Amino acid sequence: MGALKPWHIIVFVVVLVLLFGAKRLPDAARSLGRSLRIIKAETKGLVDDNNDVAEKAEPQYSRQPIQGEVQQPGQPGYQQAPPPQGYQQPQQGYQAPPAQPFVDPVQQRTNDR
């Protein structure tokens, strides 16, 4: 039942010719072929790019652990680095923004006229 018979293909071709015309069908097939070639080239380019990215992602050097001891705050000999120039210490606690006077928009519109 699901087999495609030759007369099915003939009916399909006749319907396509009647719908689109004999001149448009070759142009449509040509543009479809170009589109498929472009898609194939782009997907091949993406696969090549992924391989290049994987090679570039490998580290070119190895990491070495820090030599010496790491001092923690509170231990003797620990010195805190000075803050950079222009750095301001954040203020402690929350400070509300300065209050602004209330302006009634309706009253302001009547005064503007």
N, C-alpha and C. Protein backbone atom coordinates (compact mmCIF):
# COMPACT_ATOMS: atom_id res chain seq x y z
N MET A 1 0.82 -1.20 0.00
CA MET A 1 0.00 0.00 0.00
C MET A 1 0.86 1.26 0.00
N GLY A 2 2.00 1.22 0.72
CA GLY A 2 2.85 2.40 0.82
C GLY A 2 3.84 2.49 -0.32
N ALA A 3 3.78 1.56 -1.27
CA ALA A 3 4.74 1.56 -2.37
C ALA A 3 4.44 2.70 -3.33
N LEU A 4 5.49 3.35 -3.78
CA LEU A 4 5.35 4.45 -4.73
C LEU A 4 5.44 3.86 -6.14
N LYS A 5 4.38 4.00 -6.89
CA LYS A 5 4.33 3.41 -8.23
C LYS A 5 4.63 4.47 -9.27
N PRO A 6 5.04 4.08 -10.47
CA PRO A 6 5.41 5.06 -11.50
C PRO A 6 4.29 6.05 -11.83
N TRP A 7 3.05 5.62 -11.83
CA TRP A 7 1.99 6.55 -12.17
C TRP A 7 1.79 7.60 -11.07
N HIS A 8 2.18 7.27 -9.79
CA HIS A 8 2.15 8.29 -8.73
C HIS A 8 3.11 9.42 -9.05
N ILE A 9 4.30 9.03 -9.50
CA ILE A 9 5.32 10.04 -9.83
C ILE A 9 4.86 10.89 -11.01
N ILE A 10 4.26 10.26 -12.01
CA ILE A 10 3.77 11.00 -13.19
C ILE A 10 2.70 12.00 -12.78
N VAL A 11 1.76 11.59 -11.94
CA VAL A 11 0.70 12.50 -11.48
C VAL A 11 1.32 13.65 -10.69
N PHE A 12 2.31 13.36 -9.86
CA PHE A 12 2.97 14.39 -9.06
C PHE A 12 3.67 15.42 -9.95
N VAL A 13 4.37 14.95 -10.98
CA VAL A 13 5.06 15.85 -11.91
C VAL A 13 4.07 16.71 -12.68
N VAL A 14 2.98 16.12 -13.11
CA VAL A 14 1.96 16.88 -13.85
C VAL A 14 1.36 17.97 -12.96
N VAL A 15 1.07 17.64 -11.71
CA VAL A 15 0.51 18.64 -10.79
C VAL A 15 1.52 19.78 -10.57
N LEU A 16 2.79 19.44 -10.41
CA LEU A 16 3.81 20.48 -10.22
C LEU A 16 3.91 21.39 -11.45
N VAL A 17 3.88 20.81 -12.63
CA VAL A 17 3.96 21.61 -13.86
C VAL A 17 2.75 22.51 -13.97
N LEU A 18 1.57 22.00 -13.63
CA LEU A 18 0.36 22.83 -13.71
C LEU A 18 0.38 23.96 -12.68
N LEU A 19 0.88 23.68 -11.48
CA LEU A 19 0.90 24.71 -10.43
C LEU A 19 1.94 25.78 -10.70
N PHE A 20 3.16 25.37 -11.03
CA PHE A 20 4.26 26.33 -11.10
C PHE A 20 4.65 26.72 -12.52
N GLY A 21 4.29 25.95 -13.51
CA GLY A 21 4.67 26.26 -14.88
C GLY A 21 6.00 25.62 -15.22
N ALA A 22 6.18 25.35 -16.51
CA ALA A 22 7.38 24.64 -16.97
C ALA A 22 8.63 25.50 -16.84
N LYS A 23 8.48 26.83 -16.87
CA LYS A 23 9.65 27.70 -16.80
C LYS A 23 10.16 27.85 -15.36
N ARG A 24 9.28 27.86 -14.40
CA ARG A 24 9.69 28.09 -13.01
C ARG A 24 10.31 26.87 -12.35
N LEU A 25 9.94 25.67 -12.76
CA LEU A 25 10.44 24.46 -12.12
C LEU A 25 11.96 24.31 -12.21
N PRO A 26 12.60 24.51 -13.37
CA PRO A 26 14.08 24.41 -13.40
C PRO A 26 14.76 25.47 -12.54
N ASP A 27 14.20 26.69 -12.54
CA ASP A 27 14.77 27.74 -11.71
C ASP A 27 14.66 27.39 -10.23
N ALA A 28 13.53 26.84 -9.82
CA ALA A 28 13.35 26.46 -8.43
C ALA A 28 14.30 25.33 -8.05
N ALA A 29 14.47 24.36 -8.94
CA ALA A 29 15.39 23.25 -8.65
C ALA A 29 16.83 23.75 -8.57
N ARG A 30 17.19 24.68 -9.44
CA ARG A 30 18.54 25.25 -9.43
C ARG A 30 18.80 26.01 -8.14
N SER A 31 17.86 26.83 -7.70
CA SER A 31 18.05 27.60 -6.46
C SER A 31 18.07 26.67 -5.24
N LEU A 32 17.29 25.60 -5.29
CA LEU A 32 17.32 24.62 -4.20
C LEU A 32 18.67 23.94 -4.13
N GLY A 33 19.24 23.59 -5.28
CA GLY A 33 20.57 22.98 -5.31
C GLY A 33 21.64 23.91 -4.77
N ARG A 34 21.57 25.18 -5.14
CA ARG A 34 22.54 26.17 -4.62
C ARG A 34 22.43 26.30 -3.11
N SER A 35 21.20 26.35 -2.63
CA SER A 35 20.99 26.47 -1.18
C SER A 35 21.56 25.28 -0.44
N LEU A 36 21.35 24.07 -0.99
CA LEU A 36 21.89 22.88 -0.34
C LEU A 36 23.41 22.88 -0.35
N ARG A 37 24.03 23.36 -1.44
CA ARG A 37 25.49 23.44 -1.48
C ARG A 37 26.02 24.43 -0.44
N ILE A 38 25.34 25.55 -0.29
CA ILE A 38 25.75 26.55 0.70
C ILE A 38 25.64 25.98 2.11
N ILE A 39 24.53 25.31 2.39
CA ILE A 39 24.35 24.71 3.72
C ILE A 39 25.42 23.67 3.99
N LYS A 40 25.74 22.85 2.99
CA LYS A 40 26.77 21.82 3.15
C LYS A 40 28.13 22.46 3.44
N ALA A 41 28.47 23.52 2.70
CA ALA A 41 29.75 24.20 2.90
C ALA A 41 29.82 24.83 4.29
N GLU A 42 28.73 25.44 4.74
CA GLU A 42 28.71 26.08 6.05
C GLU A 42 28.83 25.07 7.18
N THR A 43 28.14 23.94 7.06
CA THR A 43 28.24 22.93 8.12
C THR A 43 29.63 22.32 8.15
N LYS A 44 30.25 22.14 6.99
CA LYS A 44 31.63 21.64 6.96
C LYS A 44 32.55 22.67 7.62
N GLY A 45 32.31 23.95 7.36
CA GLY A 45 33.12 25.01 7.99
C GLY A 45 32.94 25.03 9.50
N LEU A 46 31.73 24.79 9.96
CA LEU A 46 31.49 24.75 11.41
C LEU A 46 32.23 23.59 12.06
N VAL A 47 32.22 22.44 11.42
CA VAL A 47 32.92 21.28 11.96
C VAL A 47 34.42 21.56 12.02
N ASP A 48 34.97 22.17 10.96
CA ASP A 48 36.39 22.51 10.95
C ASP A 48 36.71 23.53 12.04
N ASP A 49 35.84 24.52 12.24
CA ASP A 49 36.06 25.53 13.27
C ASP A 49 36.05 24.89 14.65
N ASN A 50 35.15 23.95 14.89
CA ASN A 50 35.10 23.28 16.19
C ASN A 50 36.39 22.52 16.46
N ASN A 51 36.98 21.90 15.45
CA ASN A 51 38.24 21.20 15.64
C ASN A 51 39.36 22.18 15.95
N ASP A 52 39.37 23.35 15.28
CA ASP A 52 40.38 24.36 15.54
C ASP A 52 40.24 24.91 16.96
N VAL A 53 39.00 25.13 17.38
CA VAL A 53 38.77 25.67 18.73
C VAL A 53 39.23 24.67 19.78
N ALA A 54 38.99 23.37 19.54
CA ALA A 54 39.41 22.36 20.50
C ALA A 54 40.93 22.33 20.61
N GLU A 55 41.63 22.51 19.50
CA GLU A 55 43.09 22.53 19.55
C GLU A 55 43.60 23.78 20.26
N LYS A 56 42.94 24.91 20.04
CA LYS A 56 43.37 26.15 20.68
C LYS A 56 43.03 26.17 22.17
N ALA A 57 42.02 25.40 22.56
CA ALA A 57 41.60 25.40 23.95
C ALA A 57 42.59 24.67 24.85
N GLU A 58 43.42 23.83 24.29
CA GLU A 58 44.40 23.12 25.09
C GLU A 58 45.41 24.13 25.64
N PRO A 59 45.76 24.04 26.92
CA PRO A 59 46.72 24.99 27.48
C PRO A 59 48.10 24.79 26.85
N GLN A 60 48.77 25.89 26.59
CA GLN A 60 50.09 25.83 25.98
C GLN A 60 51.18 25.86 27.03
N TYR A 61 50.81 25.93 28.28
CA TYR A 61 51.76 25.93 29.38
C TYR A 61 51.13 25.17 30.53
N SER A 62 51.96 24.73 31.43
CA SER A 62 51.42 24.02 32.59
C SER A 62 51.46 24.95 33.79
N ARG A 63 50.54 24.78 34.68
CA ARG A 63 50.49 25.63 35.87
C ARG A 63 51.39 25.05 36.95
N GLN A 64 52.05 25.92 37.65
CA GLN A 64 52.92 25.53 38.74
C GLN A 64 52.32 26.03 40.05
N PRO A 65 52.38 25.25 41.11
CA PRO A 65 51.88 25.74 42.39
C PRO A 65 52.75 26.87 42.91
N ILE A 66 52.18 27.71 43.75
CA ILE A 66 52.91 28.82 44.35
C ILE A 66 53.95 28.26 45.31
N GLN A 67 55.16 28.76 45.19
CA GLN A 67 56.23 28.33 46.08
C GLN A 67 56.19 29.20 47.33
N GLY A 68 56.34 28.60 48.47
CA GLY A 68 56.36 29.34 49.73
C GLY A 68 55.06 29.14 50.48
N GLU A 69 54.93 29.88 51.55
CA GLU A 69 53.75 29.75 52.41
C GLU A 69 52.77 30.88 52.11
N VAL A 70 51.52 30.58 52.26
CA VAL A 70 50.48 31.58 52.12
C VAL A 70 50.08 32.00 53.53
N GLN A 71 50.16 33.31 53.78
CA GLN A 71 49.82 33.79 55.12
C GLN A 71 48.35 34.19 55.16
N GLN A 72 47.70 33.82 56.22
CA GLN A 72 46.30 34.13 56.42
C GLN A 72 46.19 35.36 57.31
N PRO A 73 45.11 36.15 57.18
CA PRO A 73 44.92 37.28 58.08
C PRO A 73 44.86 36.80 59.53
N GLY A 74 45.48 37.56 60.39
CA GLY A 74 45.49 37.21 61.81
C GLY A 74 46.76 36.49 62.22
N GLN A 75 47.56 36.04 61.27
CA GLN A 75 48.83 35.40 61.61
C GLN A 75 49.90 36.46 61.73
N PRO A 76 50.91 36.20 62.54
CA PRO A 76 52.01 37.17 62.65
C PRO A 76 52.73 37.32 61.30
N GLY A 77 53.06 38.53 60.96
CA GLY A 77 53.77 38.80 59.72
C GLY A 77 52.85 39.09 58.54
N TYR A 78 51.52 39.01 58.74
CA TYR A 78 50.57 39.28 57.65
C TYR A 78 50.44 40.77 57.48
N GLN A 79 50.55 41.25 56.24
CA GLN A 79 50.37 42.66 55.95
C GLN A 79 49.34 42.78 54.84
N GLN A 80 48.36 43.65 55.07
CA GLN A 80 47.33 43.87 54.07
C GLN A 80 47.85 44.87 53.05
N ALA A 81 47.60 44.60 51.78
CA ALA A 81 48.04 45.49 50.71
C ALA A 81 47.27 46.80 50.80
N PRO A 82 47.93 47.92 50.53
CA PRO A 82 47.22 49.21 50.57
C PRO A 82 46.21 49.29 49.43
N PRO A 83 45.09 50.01 49.63
CA PRO A 83 44.10 50.13 48.55
C PRO A 83 44.68 50.96 47.41
N PRO A 84 44.21 50.74 46.19
CA PRO A 84 44.70 51.53 45.05
C PRO A 84 44.32 53.00 45.20
N GLN A 85 45.04 53.85 44.46
CA GLN A 85 44.77 55.28 44.54
C GLN A 85 43.38 55.57 44.01
N GLY A 86 42.69 56.47 44.65
CA GLY A 86 41.36 56.86 44.24
C GLY A 86 40.26 55.96 44.80
N TYR A 87 40.64 54.94 45.54
CA TYR A 87 39.64 54.03 46.12
C TYR A 87 39.08 54.63 47.39
N GLN A 88 37.78 54.64 47.50
CA GLN A 88 37.14 55.15 48.71
C GLN A 88 36.51 53.98 49.45
N GLN A 89 36.73 53.94 50.74
CA GLN A 89 36.14 52.89 51.56
C GLN A 89 34.63 53.05 51.56
N PRO A 90 33.89 51.95 51.42
CA PRO A 90 32.43 52.07 51.48
C PRO A 90 31.98 52.47 52.88
N GLN A 91 30.92 53.26 52.90
CA GLN A 91 30.41 53.71 54.19
C GLN A 91 29.65 52.57 54.85
N GLN A 92 29.75 52.53 56.16
CA GLN A 92 29.10 51.48 56.92
C GLN A 92 27.63 51.82 57.11
N GLY A 93 26.77 50.82 56.96
CA GLY A 93 25.35 51.01 57.20
C GLY A 93 24.64 51.58 55.98
N TYR A 94 23.34 51.65 56.07
CA TYR A 94 22.51 52.15 54.98
C TYR A 94 22.20 53.61 55.21
N GLN A 95 22.36 54.38 54.18
CA GLN A 95 21.97 55.79 54.24
C GLN A 95 20.92 56.02 53.18
N ALA A 96 19.79 56.57 53.59
CA ALA A 96 18.71 56.85 52.66
C ALA A 96 19.12 58.01 51.76
N PRO A 97 18.65 58.01 50.52
CA PRO A 97 18.96 59.14 49.64
C PRO A 97 18.32 60.41 50.19
N PRO A 98 18.86 61.56 49.83
CA PRO A 98 18.30 62.81 50.35
C PRO A 98 16.84 62.97 49.90
N ALA A 99 16.04 63.45 50.82
CA ALA A 99 14.61 63.62 50.54
C ALA A 99 14.40 64.76 49.55
N GLN A 100 13.45 64.58 48.64
CA GLN A 100 13.11 65.62 47.69
C GLN A 100 11.71 66.10 48.00
N PRO A 101 11.46 67.37 47.78
CA PRO A 101 10.14 67.89 48.11
C PRO A 101 9.07 67.27 47.20
N PHE A 102 7.89 67.05 47.74
CA PHE A 102 6.79 66.48 46.99
C PHE A 102 6.19 67.55 46.09
N VAL A 103 6.02 67.20 44.81
CA VAL A 103 5.41 68.11 43.85
C VAL A 103 4.17 67.42 43.31
N ASP A 104 3.02 68.05 43.49
CA ASP A 104 1.77 67.49 43.00
C ASP A 104 1.71 67.74 41.50
N PRO A 105 1.64 66.67 40.66
CA PRO A 105 1.64 66.86 39.21
C PRO A 105 0.42 67.62 38.71
N VAL A 106 -0.73 67.42 39.36
CA VAL A 106 -1.93 68.12 38.92
C VAL A 106 -1.78 69.61 39.19
N GLN A 107 -1.30 69.95 40.36
CA GLN A 107 -1.11 71.36 40.72
C GLN A 107 -0.05 71.99 39.82
N GLN A 108 0.98 71.24 39.49
CA GLN A 108 2.03 71.78 38.64
C GLN A 108 1.49 72.06 37.25
N ARG A 109 0.61 71.18 36.70
CA ARG A 109 0.04 71.41 35.38
C ARG A 109 -0.82 72.66 35.35
N THR A 110 -1.58 72.91 36.41
CA THR A 110 -2.44 74.10 36.43
C THR A 110 -1.59 75.35 36.57
N ASN A 111 -0.44 75.27 37.25
CA ASN A 111 0.42 76.44 37.40
C ASN A 111 1.17 76.75 36.12
N ASP A 112 1.39 75.76 35.30
CA ASP A 112 2.16 75.97 34.07
C ASP A 112 1.34 76.72 33.01
N ARG A 113 0.06 76.68 33.09
CA ARG A 113 -0.77 77.31 32.04
C ARG A 113 -0.77 78.78 32.12
